[in-house]
PDB file of N, CA and C in Angstrom:
ATOM      1  N   MET A   1       7.127   1.872  11.853  1.00  0.00           N
ATOM      2  CA  MET A   1       6.064   2.208  11.005  1.00  0.00           C
ATOM      3  C   MET A   1       5.370   0.640  11.777  1.00  0.00           C
ATOM      4  N   THR A   2       4.184   0.576  11.623  1.00  0.00           N
ATOM      5  CA  THR A   2       3.253  -0.661  12.079  1.00  0.00           C
ATOM      6  C   THR A   2       2.417  -1.135  11.122  1.00  0.00           C
ATOM      7  N   ILE A   3       2.120  -2.430  10.732  1.00  0.00           N
ATOM      8  CA  ILE A   3       1.617  -2.808   9.752  1.00  0.00           C
ATOM      9  C   ILE A   3       0.679  -3.828  11.451  1.00  0.00           C
ATOM     10  N   ARG A   4      -0.894  -3.404  10.818  1.00  0.00           N
ATOM     11  CA  ARG A   4      -1.903  -4.344  11.100  1.00  0.00           C
ATOM     12  C   ARG A   4      -2.719  -4.789   9.842  1.00  0.00           C
ATOM     13  N   SER A   5      -3.344  -5.787  10.166  1.00  0.00           N
ATOM     14  CA  SER A   5      -4.415  -6.788   9.264  1.00  0.00           C
ATOM     15  C   SER A   5      -5.542  -7.262   9.552  1.00  0.00           C
ATOM     16  N   GLU A   6      -6.173  -7.007   8.646  1.00  0.00           N
ATOM     17  CA  GLU A   6      -7.705  -7.784   8.978  1.00  0.00           C
ATOM     18  C   GLU A   6      -7.746  -8.737   7.606  1.00  0.00           C
ATOM     19  N   GLN A   7      -8.729  -9.566   7.672  1.00  0.00           N
ATOM     20  CA  GLN A   7      -9.046 -10.020   6.568  1.00  0.00           C
ATOM     21  C   GLN A   7     -10.864 -10.106   6.461  1.00  0.00           C
ATOM     22  N   PRO A   8     -11.358  -8.911   6.003  1.00  0.00           N
ATOM     23  CA  PRO A   8     -13.185  -8.529   5.866  1.00  0.00           C
ATOM     24  C   PRO A   8     -13.517 -10.057   5.304  1.00  0.00           C
ATOM     25  N   ASP A   9     -12.875 -10.205   4.341  1.00  0.00           N
ATOM     26  CA  ASP A   9     -13.518 -11.393   3.448  1.00  0.00           C
ATOM     27  C   ASP A   9     -12.532 -12.353   2.564  1.00  0.00           C
ATOM     28  N   LYS A  10     -12.966 -13.356   2.169  1.00  0.00           N
ATOM     29  CA  LYS A  10     -12.254 -14.363   1.730  1.00  0.00           C
ATOM     30  C   LYS A  10     -11.207 -14.042   0.201  1.00  0.00           C
ATOM     31  N   ASN A  11     -11.868 -12.834  -0.370  1.00  0.00           N
ATOM     32  CA  ASN A  11     -11.081 -12.019  -1.534  1.00  0.00           C
ATOM     33  C   ASN A  11     -10.053 -10.957  -1.201  1.00  0.00           C
ATOM     34  N   SER A  12      -9.822 -10.377  -0.312  1.00  0.00           N
ATOM     35  CA  SER A  12      -9.080  -9.337   0.351  1.00  0.00           C
ATOM     36  C   SER A  12      -8.468  -8.981   1.637  1.00  0.00           C
ATOM     37  N   ILE A  13      -7.511  -8.447   1.800  1.00  0.00           N
ATOM     38  CA  ILE A  13      -7.212  -8.094   2.903  1.00  0.00           C
ATOM     39  C   ILE A  13      -6.598  -6.779   3.030  1.00  0.00           C
ATOM     40  N   LEU A  14      -7.436  -6.484   4.527  1.00  0.00           N
ATOM     41  CA  LEU A  14      -7.207  -4.691   4.613  1.00  0.00           C
ATOM     42  C   LEU A  14      -5.696  -4.659   5.542  1.00  0.00           C
ATOM     43  N   LEU A  15      -4.686  -3.851   5.196  1.00  0.00           N
ATOM     44  CA  LEU A  15      -3.706  -3.555   5.863  1.00  0.00           C
ATOM     45  C   LEU A  15      -3.832  -2.100   6.452  1.00  0.00           C
ATOM     46  N   PHE A  16      -3.367  -1.892   7.793  1.00  0.00           N
ATOM     47  CA  PHE A  16      -3.577  -0.986   8.214  1.00  0.00           C
ATOM     48  C   PHE A  16      -1.785  -0.229   8.791  1.00  0.00           C
ATOM     49  N   LEU A  17      -1.603   0.461   7.627  1.00  0.00           N
ATOM     50  CA  LEU A  17      -0.316   1.543   7.957  1.00  0.00           C
ATOM     51  C   LEU A  17      -0.609   2.554   9.181  1.00  0.00           C
ATOM     52  N   SER A  18       0.908   2.781  10.171  1.00  0.00           N
ATOM     53  CA  SER A  18       0.897   3.935  11.214  1.00  0.00           C
ATOM     54  C   SER A  18       2.101   4.139  10.896  1.00  0.00           C
ATOM     55  N   GLY A  19       2.707   5.246  11.140  1.00  0.00           N
ATOM     56  CA  GLY A  19       3.923   5.883  11.869  1.00  0.00           C
ATOM     57  C   GLY A  19       4.391   6.782   9.989  1.00  0.00           C
ATOM     58  N   ARG A  20       5.871   5.870   9.932  1.00  0.00           N
ATOM     59  CA  ARG A  20       6.300   6.233   8.988  1.00  0.00           C
ATOM     60  C   ARG A  20       7.032   5.127   7.972  1.00  0.00           C
ATOM     61  N   LEU A  21       6.310   5.072   6.820  1.00  0.00           N
ATOM     62  CA  LEU A  21       6.940   4.355   5.547  1.00  0.00           C
ATOM     63  C   LEU A  21       8.169   5.053   4.596  1.00  0.00           C
ATOM     64  N   ASP A  22       9.216   4.620   5.361  1.00  0.00           N
ATOM     65  CA  ASP A  22      10.315   5.282   4.955  1.00  0.00           C
ATOM     66  C   ASP A  22      11.819   4.011   4.273  1.00  0.00           C
ATOM     67  N   THR A  23      12.902   4.721   4.305  1.00  0.00           N
ATOM     68  CA  THR A  23      13.805   3.920   3.975  1.00  0.00           C
ATOM     69  C   THR A  23      14.030   2.270   4.773  1.00  0.00           C
ATOM     70  N   ALA A  24      13.977   3.017   6.269  1.00  0.00           N
ATOM     71  CA  ALA A  24      14.385   1.951   7.427  1.00  0.00           C
ATOM     72  C   ALA A  24      13.149   1.286   7.532  1.00  0.00           C
ATOM     73  N   SER A  25      11.875   1.100   7.258  1.00  0.00           N
ATOM     74  CA  SER A  25      10.576   0.249   7.248  1.00  0.00           C
ATOM     75  C   SER A  25      10.202  -0.135   5.753  1.00  0.00           C
ATOM     76  N   SER A  26      11.091   0.212   4.708  1.00  0.00           N
ATOM     77  CA  SER A  26       9.910  -0.117   3.159  1.00  0.00           C
ATOM     78  C   SER A  26      10.681  -1.751   3.049  1.00  0.00           C
ATOM     79  N   SER A  27      11.628  -2.357   3.875  1.00  0.00           N
ATOM     80  CA  SER A  27      12.056  -3.933   3.327  1.00  0.00           C
ATOM     81  C   SER A  27      11.379  -4.425   3.960  1.00  0.00           C
ATOM     82  N   GLU A  28      10.733  -4.130   5.644  1.00  0.00           N
ATOM     83  CA  GLU A  28      10.216  -4.891   6.221  1.00  0.00           C
ATOM     84  C   GLU A  28       8.625  -5.339   5.099  1.00  0.00           C
ATOM     85  N   PHE A  29       8.060  -3.763   5.151  1.00  0.00           N
ATOM     86  CA  PHE A  29       7.041  -3.697   4.195  1.00  0.00           C
ATOM     87  C   PHE A  29       6.859  -4.342   2.969  1.00  0.00           C
ATOM     88  N   GLU A  30       8.045  -4.302   2.250  1.00  0.00           N
ATOM     89  CA  GLU A  30       7.631  -5.089   1.067  1.00  0.00           C
ATOM     90  C   GLU A  30       7.858  -6.509   1.085  1.00  0.00           C
ATOM     91  N   LYS A  31       8.611  -6.892   2.143  1.00  0.00           N
ATOM     92  CA  LYS A  31       8.462  -8.394   2.675  1.00  0.00           C
ATOM     93  C   LYS A  31       6.912  -8.950   2.491  1.00  0.00           C
ATOM     94  N   LYS A  32       6.217  -8.079   3.575  1.00  0.00           N
ATOM     95  CA  LYS A  32       5.112  -8.172   3.790  1.00  0.00           C
ATOM     96  C   LYS A  32       4.038  -8.180   2.637  1.00  0.00           C
ATOM     97  N   ILE A  33       3.903  -7.436   1.616  1.00  0.00           N
ATOM     98  CA  ILE A  33       3.404  -7.156   0.312  1.00  0.00           C
ATOM     99  C   ILE A  33       3.758  -8.366  -0.376  1.00  0.00           C
ATOM    100  N   ASN A  34       4.786  -8.806  -0.775  1.00  0.00           N
ATOM    101  CA  ASN A  34       5.381  -9.745  -1.133  1.00  0.00           C
ATOM    102  C   ASN A  34       4.972 -11.286  -0.906  1.00  0.00           C
ATOM    103  N   GLU A  35       4.499 -11.221   0.488  1.00  0.00           N
ATOM    104  CA  GLU A  35       4.152 -12.652   0.499  1.00  0.00           C
ATOM    105  C   GLU A  35       2.356 -12.476   0.197  1.00  0.00           C
ATOM    106  N   LEU A  36       1.537 -11.423   0.426  1.00  0.00           N
ATOM    107  CA  LEU A  36       0.157 -11.222  -0.086  1.00  0.00           C
ATOM    108  C   LEU A  36       0.297 -10.884  -1.901  1.00  0.00           C
ATOM    109  N   ALA A  37       1.193 -10.605  -2.063  1.00  0.00           N
ATOM    110  CA  ALA A  37       1.112 -10.082  -3.918  1.00  0.00           C
ATOM    111  C   ALA A  37       1.099 -11.892  -4.338  1.00  0.00           C
ATOM    112  N   ASP A  38       1.521 -12.556  -4.060  1.00  0.00           N
ATOM    113  CA  ASP A  38       1.678 -14.088  -4.376  1.00  0.00           C
ATOM    114  C   ASP A  38       0.229 -14.655  -4.408  1.00  0.00           C
ATOM    115  N   GLY A  39      -0.358 -14.171  -3.666  1.00  0.00           N
ATOM    116  CA  GLY A  39      -1.789 -14.822  -3.113  1.00  0.00           C
ATOM    117  C   GLY A  39      -2.776 -14.551  -4.010  1.00  0.00           C
ATOM    118  N   THR A  40      -3.895 -14.816  -4.504  1.00  0.00           N
ATOM    119  CA  THR A  40      -5.481 -14.678  -5.080  1.00  0.00           C
ATOM    120  C   THR A  40      -6.176 -13.670  -4.167  1.00  0.00           C
ATOM    121  N   ILE A  41      -5.443 -12.706  -3.429  1.00  0.00           N
ATOM    122  CA  ILE A  41      -6.278 -11.767  -2.794  1.00  0.00           C
ATOM    123  C   ILE A  41      -5.853 -10.261  -3.228  1.00  0.00           C
ATOM    124  N   ASP A  42      -7.373  -9.472  -3.346  1.00  0.00           N
ATOM    125  CA  ASP A  42      -6.689  -8.195  -3.650  1.00  0.00           C
ATOM    126  C   ASP A  42      -6.311  -7.542  -1.884  1.00  0.00           C
ATOM    127  N   ILE A  43      -5.639  -6.249  -2.356  1.00  0.00           N
ATOM    128  CA  ILE A  43      -4.767  -5.733  -1.135  1.00  0.00           C
ATOM    129  C   ILE A  43      -5.554  -4.504  -0.936  1.00  0.00           C
ATOM    130  N   ILE A  44      -5.811  -3.941   0.060  1.00  0.00           N
ATOM    131  CA  ILE A  44      -6.779  -2.884   0.316  1.00  0.00           C
ATOM    132  C   ILE A  44      -5.497  -1.974   1.740  1.00  0.00           C
ATOM    133  N   MET A  45      -5.352  -0.670   1.296  1.00  0.00           N
ATOM    134  CA  MET A  45      -4.273  -0.445   2.572  1.00  0.00           C
ATOM    135  C   MET A  45      -5.018   0.944   3.114  1.00  0.00           C
ATOM    136  N   ASP A  46      -5.224   0.769   4.335  1.00  0.00           N
ATOM    137  CA  ASP A  46      -6.002   2.042   4.871  1.00  0.00           C
ATOM    138  C   ASP A  46      -4.466   2.982   5.517  1.00  0.00           C
ATOM    139  N   LEU A  47      -4.567   3.810   4.670  1.00  0.00           N
ATOM    140  CA  LEU A  47      -3.215   5.391   5.226  1.00  0.00           C
ATOM    141  C   LEU A  47      -3.859   6.262   6.087  1.00  0.00           C
ATOM    142  N   LYS A  48      -4.736   6.084   7.071  1.00  0.00           N
ATOM    143  CA  LYS A  48      -5.329   7.257   7.555  1.00  0.00           C
ATOM    144  C   LYS A  48      -4.028   7.573   8.703  1.00  0.00           C
ATOM    145  N   GLU A  49      -3.460   6.559   9.010  1.00  0.00           N
ATOM    146  CA  GLU A  49      -2.558   7.003  10.277  1.00  0.00           C
ATOM    147  C   GLU A  49      -0.903   6.982   9.894  1.00  0.00           C
ATOM    148  N   LEU A  50      -0.967   6.906   8.617  1.00  0.00           N
ATOM    149  CA  LEU A  50       0.342   6.970   7.837  1.00  0.00           C
ATOM    150  C   LEU A  50       0.909   8.692   8.100  1.00  0.00           C
ATOM    151  N   ASP A  51       2.247   8.868   8.012  1.00  0.00           N
ATOM    152  CA  ASP A  51       2.634  10.654   9.000  1.00  0.00           C
ATOM    153  C   ASP A  51       3.155  10.574   7.445  1.00  0.00           C
ATOM    154  N   TYR A  52       3.892   9.725   6.767  1.00  0.00           N
ATOM    155  CA  TYR A  52       4.911  10.144   5.852  1.00  0.00           C
ATOM    156  C   TYR A  52       5.194   8.991   5.132  1.00  0.00           C
ATOM    157  N   ILE A  53       5.438   9.172   3.740  1.00  0.00           N
ATOM    158  CA  ILE A  53       5.794   8.393   2.648  1.00  0.00           C
ATOM    159  C   ILE A  53       7.099   8.897   1.814  1.00  0.00           C
ATOM    160  N   SER A  54       8.090   7.923   1.873  1.00  0.00           N
ATOM    161  CA  SER A  54       9.522   8.432   1.130  1.00  0.00           C
ATOM    162  C   SER A  54       9.386   7.606  -0.013  1.00  0.00           C
ATOM    163  N   SER A  55      10.300   7.851  -1.022  1.00  0.00           N
ATOM    164  CA  SER A  55      10.060   7.121  -2.703  1.00  0.00           C
ATOM    165  C   SER A  55      10.565   5.844  -2.265  1.00  0.00           C
ATOM    166  N   SER A  56      10.943   4.987  -1.128  1.00  0.00           N
ATOM    167  CA  SER A  56      11.388   3.868  -1.188  1.00  0.00           C
ATOM    168  C   SER A  56       9.858   3.068  -0.984  1.00  0.00           C
ATOM    169  N   GLY A  57       9.136   3.916  -0.199  1.00  0.00           N
ATOM    170  CA  GLY A  57       7.854   3.450   0.205  1.00  0.00           C
ATOM    171  C   GLY A  57       6.952   3.310  -1.339  1.00  0.00           C
ATOM    172  N   LEU A  58       7.112   4.485  -1.642  1.00  0.00           N
ATOM    173  CA  LEU A  58       6.093   4.592  -2.978  1.00  0.00           C
ATOM    174  C   LEU A  58       6.701   3.513  -3.899  1.00  0.00           C
ATOM    175  N   HIS A  59       8.062   3.531  -4.049  1.00  0.00           N
ATOM    176  CA  HIS A  59       8.576   2.409  -5.117  1.00  0.00           C
ATOM    177  C   HIS A  59       7.997   0.769  -4.264  1.00  0.00           C
ATOM    178  N   VAL A  60       7.824   0.475  -2.985  1.00  0.00           N
ATOM    179  CA  VAL A  60       7.321  -0.523  -2.851  1.00  0.00           C
ATOM    180  C   VAL A  60       5.868  -0.584  -3.651  1.00  0.00           C
ATOM    181  N   LEU A  61       5.087   0.247  -2.938  1.00  0.00           N
ATOM    182  CA  LEU A  61       3.347   0.524  -3.431  1.00  0.00           C
ATOM    183  C   LEU A  61       3.225  -0.224  -5.058  1.00  0.00           C
ATOM    184  N   ILE A  62       4.591   0.688  -6.220  1.00  0.00           N
ATOM    185  CA  ILE A  62       4.158   0.389  -7.311  1.00  0.00           C
ATOM    186  C   ILE A  62       4.449  -0.878  -7.860  1.00  0.00           C
ATOM    187  N   LEU A  63       5.492  -1.417  -6.886  1.00  0.00           N
ATOM    188  CA  LEU A  63       6.039  -3.174  -7.190  1.00  0.00           C
ATOM    189  C   LEU A  63       4.874  -3.925  -7.029  1.00  0.00           C
ATOM    190  N   ALA A  64       3.926  -3.493  -5.793  1.00  0.00           N
ATOM    191  CA  ALA A  64       2.831  -4.398  -5.519  1.00  0.00           C
ATOM    192  C   ALA A  64       1.482  -4.113  -6.489  1.00  0.00           C
ATOM    193  N   HIS A  65       1.619  -2.982  -7.061  1.00  0.00           N
ATOM    194  CA  HIS A  65       0.657  -2.478  -7.820  1.00  0.00           C
ATOM    195  C   HIS A  65       1.058  -3.437  -9.021  1.00  0.00           C
ATOM    196  N   LYS A  66       2.066  -3.382  -9.679  1.00  0.00           N
ATOM    197  CA  LYS A  66       2.319  -4.409 -10.739  1.00  0.00           C
ATOM    198  C   LYS A  66       2.257  -6.014 -10.566  1.00  0.00           C
ATOM    199  N   LYS A  67       2.770  -6.188  -9.469  1.00  0.00           N
ATOM    200  CA  LYS A  67       2.718  -7.642  -8.986  1.00  0.00           C
ATOM    201  C   LYS A  67       1.162  -8.114  -9.293  1.00  0.00           C
ATOM    202  N   LEU A  68       0.031  -7.461  -8.503  1.00  0.00           N
ATOM    203  CA  LEU A  68      -0.820  -7.848  -8.283  1.00  0.00           C
ATOM    204  C   LEU A  68      -1.605  -7.842  -9.683  1.00  0.00           C
ATOM    205  N   SER A  69      -1.417  -6.618 -10.606  1.00  0.00           N
ATOM    206  CA  SER A  69      -2.321  -6.892 -11.869  1.00  0.00           C
ATOM    207  C   SER A  69      -1.816  -7.951 -12.616  1.00  0.00           C
ATOM    208  N   VAL A  70      -0.264  -8.626 -12.758  1.00  0.00           N
ATOM    209  CA  VAL A  70      -0.316  -9.476 -13.441  1.00  0.00           C
ATOM    210  C   VAL A  70      -1.389 -10.492 -13.007  1.00  0.00           C
ATOM    211  N   ASN A  71      -1.969 -10.808 -11.917  1.00  0.00           N
ATOM    212  CA  ASN A  71      -2.639 -11.954 -11.200  1.00  0.00           C
ATOM    213  C   ASN A  71      -4.277 -11.453 -11.254  1.00  0.00           C
ATOM    214  N   ASN A  72      -4.161 -10.501 -12.017  1.00  0.00           N
ATOM    215  CA  ASN A  72      -5.816  -9.870 -12.004  1.00  0.00           C
ATOM    216  C   ASN A  72      -6.171  -9.434 -10.729  1.00  0.00           C
ATOM    217  N   ARG A  73      -5.520  -8.978  -9.785  1.00  0.00           N
ATOM    218  CA  ARG A  73      -5.871  -8.645  -8.268  1.00  0.00           C
ATOM    219  C   ARG A  73      -5.714  -7.073  -8.558  1.00  0.00           C
ATOM    220  N   LYS A  74      -6.086  -6.261  -7.425  1.00  0.00           N
ATOM    221  CA  LYS A  74      -6.067  -5.179  -7.209  1.00  0.00           C
ATOM    222  C   LYS A  74      -5.647  -4.446  -6.063  1.00  0.00           C
ATOM    223  N   LEU A  75      -4.752  -3.149  -5.854  1.00  0.00           N
ATOM    224  CA  LEU A  75      -3.997  -2.885  -5.079  1.00  0.00           C
ATOM    225  C   LEU A  75      -5.163  -1.341  -4.824  1.00  0.00           C
ATOM    226  N   ALA A  76      -5.753  -1.340  -3.704  1.00  0.00           N
ATOM    227  CA  ALA A  76      -6.610   0.001  -3.345  1.00  0.00           C
ATOM    228  C   ALA A  76      -6.014   0.535  -2.390  1.00  0.00           C
ATOM    229  N   ILE A  77      -6.019   1.939  -2.387  1.00  0.00           N
ATOM    230  CA  ILE A  77      -5.460   2.930  -0.994  1.00  0.00           C
ATOM    231  C   ILE A  77      -6.850   3.716  -0.438  1.00  0.00           C
ATOM    232  N   LYS A  78      -7.015   3.473   0.751  1.00  0.00           N
ATOM    233  CA  LYS A  78      -8.061   4.409   1.245  1.00  0.00           C
ATOM    234  C   LYS A  78      -7.516   5.214   2.736  1.00  0.00           C
ATOM    235  N   ASN A  79      -8.058   6.383   2.696  1.00  0.00           N
ATOM    236  CA  ASN A  79      -7.577   7.551   3.637  1.00  0.00           C
ATOM    237  C   ASN A  79      -6.581   8.082   3.567  1.00  0.00           C
ATOM    238  N   ALA A  80      -5.641   8.034   2.394  1.00  0.00           N
ATOM    239  CA  ALA A  80      -4.608   9.043   2.325  1.00  0.00           C
ATOM    240  C   ALA A  80      -5.091  10.415   2.607  1.00  0.00           C
ATOM    241  N   GLY A  81      -4.089  10.597   3.277  1.00  0.00           N
ATOM    242  CA  GLY A  81      -4.286  12.067   3.891  1.00  0.00           C
ATOM    243  C   GLY A  81      -3.013  13.157   4.070  1.00  0.00           C
ATOM    244  N   GLY A  82      -3.311  14.490   4.348  1.00  0.00           N
ATOM    245  CA  GLY A  82      -2.062  15.379   4.252  1.00  0.00           C
ATOM    246  C   GLY A  82      -1.024  14.920   3.492  1.00  0.00           C
ATOM    247  N   SER A  83       0.108  14.533   4.077  1.00  0.00           N
ATOM    248  CA  SER A  83       1.491  14.857   3.065  1.00  0.00           C
ATOM    249  C   SER A  83       1.473  13.582   2.053  1.00  0.00           C
ATOM    250  N   VAL A  84       1.210  12.913   2.599  1.00  0.00           N
ATOM    251  CA  VAL A  84       0.802  10.960   1.793  1.00  0.00           C
ATOM    252  C   VAL A  84       0.087  11.399   0.715  1.00  0.00           C
ATOM    253  N   LYS A  85      -0.730  11.594   0.926  1.00  0.00           N
ATOM    254  CA  LYS A  85      -1.831  12.213  -0.317  1.00  0.00           C
ATOM    255  C   LYS A  85      -1.102  13.225  -1.532  1.00  0.00           C
ATOM    256  N   GLU A  86      -0.414  14.420  -0.839  1.00  0.00           N
ATOM    257  CA  GLU A  86       0.314  15.133  -1.562  1.00  0.00           C
ATOM    258  C   GLU A  86       1.290  14.498  -2.736  1.00  0.00           C
ATOM    259  N   VAL A  87       2.032  13.550  -1.999  1.00  0.00           N
ATOM    260  CA  VAL A  87       2.553  12.429  -2.922  1.00  0.00           C
ATOM    261  C   VAL A  87       2.623  11.880  -3.619  1.00  0.00           C
ATOM    262  N   PHE A  88       1.159  11.520  -3.526  1.00  0.00           N
ATOM    263  CA  PHE A  88       0.771  10.160  -4.413  1.00  0.00           C
ATOM    264  C   PHE A  88      -0.050  11.428  -5.597  1.00  0.00           C
ATOM    265  N   GLU A  89      -0.287  12.555  -5.313  1.00  0.00           N
ATOM    266  CA  GLU A  89      -0.834  13.298  -5.959  1.00  0.00           C
ATOM    267  C   GLU A  89       0.579  14.250  -7.226  1.00  0.00           C
ATOM    268  N   MET A  90       1.254  14.075  -6.287  1.00  0.00           N
ATOM    269  CA  MET A  90       2.888  15.089  -6.895  1.00  0.00           C
ATOM    270  C   MET A  90       3.459  14.212  -7.842  1.00  0.00           C
ATOM    271  N   THR A  91       3.385  12.703  -7.450  1.00  0.00           N
ATOM    272  CA  THR A  91       4.093  11.591  -8.507  1.00  0.00           C
ATOM    273  C   THR A  91       3.322  10.949  -9.628  1.00  0.00           C
ATOM    274  N   GLY A  92       1.439  11.596  -9.126  1.00  0.00           N
ATOM    275  CA  GLY A  92       0.962  10.815 -10.094  1.00  0.00           C
ATOM    276  C   GLY A  92       0.347   9.272  -9.564  1.00  0.00           C
ATOM    277  N   PHE A  93       0.715   9.194  -8.714  1.00  0.00           N
ATOM    278  CA  PHE A  93       0.748   7.843  -8.125  1.00  0.00           C
ATOM    279  C   PHE A  93      -0.954   7.222  -7.862  1.00  0.00           C
ATOM    280  N   ASN A  94      -1.403   8.620  -7.774  1.00  0.00           N
ATOM    281  CA  ASN A  94      -3.251   8.645  -7.781  1.00  0.00           C
ATOM    282  C   ASN A  94      -3.827   8.387  -9.389  1.00  0.00           C
ATOM    283  N   THR A  95      -3.155   8.192 -10.221  1.00  0.00           N
ATOM    284  CA  THR A  95      -3.813   7.776 -11.104  1.00  0.00           C
ATOM    285  C   THR A  95      -3.137   6.588 -11.471  1.00  0.00           C
ATOM    286  N   ILE A  96      -2.644   5.894 -11.076  1.00  0.00           N
ATOM    287  CA  ILE A  96      -2.142   4.375 -11.196  1.00  0.00           C
ATOM    288  C   ILE A  96      -2.738   3.604 -10.460  1.00  0.00           C
ATOM    289  N   VAL A  97      -3.103   3.957  -8.963  1.00  0.00           N
ATOM    290  CA  VAL A  97      -3.941   3.210  -7.815  1.00  0.00           C
ATOM    291  C   VAL A  97      -4.858   3.665  -7.713  1.00  0.00           C
ATOM    292  N   THR A  98      -6.267   2.829  -7.167  1.00  0.00           N
ATOM    293  CA  THR A  98      -7.266   3.342  -7.018  1.00  0.00           C
ATOM    294  C   THR A  98      -7.276   4.181  -5.451  1.00  0.00           C
ATOM    295  N   LEU A  99      -7.480   5.183  -5.463  1.00  0.00           N
ATOM    296  CA  LEU A  99      -7.687   5.491  -4.072  1.00  0.00           C
ATOM    297  C   LEU A  99      -9.018   6.149  -3.567  1.00  0.00           C
ATOM    298  N   GLU A 100      -9.413   5.540  -2.293  1.00  0.00           N
ATOM    299  CA  GLU A 100     -10.930   5.702  -1.733  1.00  0.00           C
ATOM    300  C   GLU A 100     -11.012   6.862  -1.063  1.00  0.00           C
TER     301      GLU A 100
END
């Protein structure tokens, strides 16, 4: 999995994920998310190029959502498609986090 980031404004950061968010890549992703979630910005993830998400990846997203919520920040997901969107719908994740 690769992660590319842009900061469109001072209040948010946009992360572009591509490849597979699975057990092998979730620890690297968790480290990145923890660094960002401790700050004062919202996190928006563009998953257009993410092909797969495992339960490990979903777990990291849930932890990020909780951590951001405590600080009155939000986690938003955009462009989730295919099997990634199906996982969000099957697990109910789409009712917890904003999907754009």
